[in-house]
Amino acid sequence: MEESNGVVRHRYTPHSCRHTFATLLKDVPAPDKDKLRLIGRTSAEMLRHYQDVDVDSLRRITDAL
């Protein structure tokens, strides 16, 4: 988080965007190998890791973007 002139801004990284994108893909009816290719990973375990986000946290992230 950064604060400038009393305004708090969250700093988002490519890593946090990857988490958000992977979570949005959770309900997409596509093979895991295709989802992994989209997020730049090869391990199904990593896909589960990236998709392990609760809906309220995801909403806060996407609303802030």
C-alpha atoms as a PDB file:
ATOM      1  CA  MET A   1       0.000   0.000   0.000  1.00  0.00           C
ATOM      2  CA  GLU A   2       1.132   3.495  -0.739  1.00  0.00           C
ATOM      3  CA  GLU A   3      -0.212   6.701   0.695  1.00  0.00           C
ATOM      4  CA  SER A   4      -0.046   9.993  -1.152  1.00  0.00           C
ATOM      5  CA  ASN A   5      -1.829  13.174  -0.048  1.00  0.00           C
ATOM      6  CA  GLY A   6      -3.999  11.137   2.319  1.00  0.00           C
ATOM      7  CA  VAL A   7      -5.068   8.703  -0.422  1.00  0.00           C
ATOM      8  CA  VAL A   8      -4.226   5.049   0.158  1.00  0.00           C
ATOM      9  CA  ARG A   9      -3.460   3.154  -3.024  1.00  0.00           C
ATOM     10  CA  HIS A  10      -2.888  -0.565  -3.267  1.00  0.00           C
ATOM     11  CA  ARG A  11       0.001  -1.710  -5.348  1.00  0.00           C
ATOM     12  CA  TYR A  12      -0.941  -4.578  -7.626  1.00  0.00           C
ATOM     13  CA  THR A  13       1.670  -6.786  -9.213  1.00  0.00           C
ATOM     14  CA  PRO A  14       1.542  -9.205 -12.139  1.00  0.00           C
ATOM     15  CA  HIS A  15       1.427 -11.931  -9.487  1.00  0.00           C
ATOM     16  CA  SER A  16      -1.796 -10.581  -7.936  1.00  0.00           C
ATOM     17  CA  CYS A  17      -3.306 -10.181 -11.405  1.00  0.00           C
ATOM     18  CA  ARG A  18      -2.434 -13.813 -12.181  1.00  0.00           C
ATOM     19  CA  HIS A  19      -4.288 -14.901  -9.034  1.00  0.00           C
ATOM     20  CA  THR A  20      -7.328 -12.860 -10.019  1.00  0.00           C
ATOM     21  CA  PHE A  21      -7.318 -14.155 -13.584  1.00  0.00           C
ATOM     22  CA  ALA A  22      -6.896 -17.796 -12.486  1.00  0.00           C
ATOM     23  CA  THR A  23      -9.765 -17.420 -10.032  1.00  0.00           C
ATOM     24  CA  LEU A  24     -11.996 -15.965 -12.729  1.00  0.00           C
ATOM     25  CA  LEU A  25     -11.165 -19.026 -14.857  1.00  0.00           C
ATOM     26  CA  LYS A  26     -12.310 -21.359 -12.083  1.00  0.00           C
ATOM     27  CA  ASP A  27     -15.833 -21.799 -13.475  1.00  0.00           C
ATOM     28  CA  VAL A  28     -14.902 -21.708 -17.155  1.00  0.00           C
ATOM     29  CA  PRO A  29     -15.667 -25.060 -18.794  1.00  0.00           C
ATOM     30  CA  ALA A  30     -12.229 -25.656 -20.314  1.00  0.00           C
ATOM     31  CA  PRO A  31      -9.472 -28.204 -19.757  1.00  0.00           C
ATOM     32  CA  ASP A  32      -7.015 -27.387 -16.974  1.00  0.00           C
ATOM     33  CA  LYS A  33      -4.112 -27.605 -19.444  1.00  0.00           C
ATOM     34  CA  ASP A  34      -5.591 -24.663 -21.368  1.00  0.00           C
ATOM     35  CA  LYS A  35      -6.106 -22.632 -18.195  1.00  0.00           C
ATOM     36  CA  LEU A  36      -2.533 -23.371 -17.153  1.00  0.00           C
ATOM     37  CA  ARG A  37      -1.248 -22.175 -20.499  1.00  0.00           C
ATOM     38  CA  LEU A  38      -3.184 -18.911 -20.093  1.00  0.00           C
ATOM     39  CA  ILE A  39      -1.683 -18.189 -16.673  1.00  0.00           C
ATOM     40  CA  GLY A  40       1.810 -19.292 -17.696  1.00  0.00           C
ATOM     41  CA  ARG A  41       2.089 -22.371 -15.492  1.00  0.00           C
ATOM     42  CA  THR A  42       2.411 -26.107 -16.102  1.00  0.00           C
ATOM     43  CA  SER A  43       1.439 -27.662 -12.767  1.00  0.00           C
ATOM     44  CA  ALA A  44      -2.202 -28.447 -11.945  1.00  0.00           C
ATOM     45  CA  GLU A  45      -1.203 -27.981  -8.291  1.00  0.00           C
ATOM     46  CA  MET A  46      -0.278 -24.360  -9.067  1.00  0.00           C
ATOM     47  CA  LEU A  47      -3.632 -23.842 -10.769  1.00  0.00           C
ATOM     48  CA  ARG A  48      -5.404 -24.953  -7.566  1.00  0.00           C
ATOM     49  CA  HIS A  49      -3.105 -22.674  -5.548  1.00  0.00           C
ATOM     50  CA  TYR A  50      -3.940 -19.661  -7.694  1.00  0.00           C
ATOM     51  CA  GLN A  51      -7.653 -20.444  -7.648  1.00  0.00           C
ATOM     52  CA  ASP A  52      -7.832 -20.783  -3.854  1.00  0.00           C
ATOM     53  CA  VAL A  53      -9.289 -17.332  -3.217  1.00  0.00           C
ATOM     54  CA  ASP A  54     -12.582 -16.500  -1.561  1.00  0.00           C
ATOM     55  CA  VAL A  55     -15.135 -14.457  -3.487  1.00  0.00           C
ATOM     56  CA  ASP A  56     -15.040 -11.458  -1.124  1.00  0.00           C
ATOM     57  CA  SER A  57     -11.266 -11.102  -1.522  1.00  0.00           C
ATOM     58  CA  LEU A  58     -11.577 -11.376  -5.295  1.00  0.00           C
ATOM     59  CA  ARG A  59     -14.317  -8.708  -5.335  1.00  0.00           C
ATOM     60  CA  ARG A  60     -12.115  -6.297  -3.357  1.00  0.00           C
ATOM     61  CA  ILE A  61      -9.273  -6.817  -5.829  1.00  0.00           C
ATOM     62  CA  THR A  62     -11.353  -6.415  -8.961  1.00  0.00           C
ATOM     63  CA  ASP A  63     -13.235  -3.395  -7.572  1.00  0.00           C
ATOM     64  CA  ALA A  64      -9.924  -1.694  -6.802  1.00  0.00           C
ATOM     65  CA  LEU A  65      -8.700  -2.185 -10.363  1.00  0.00           C
END
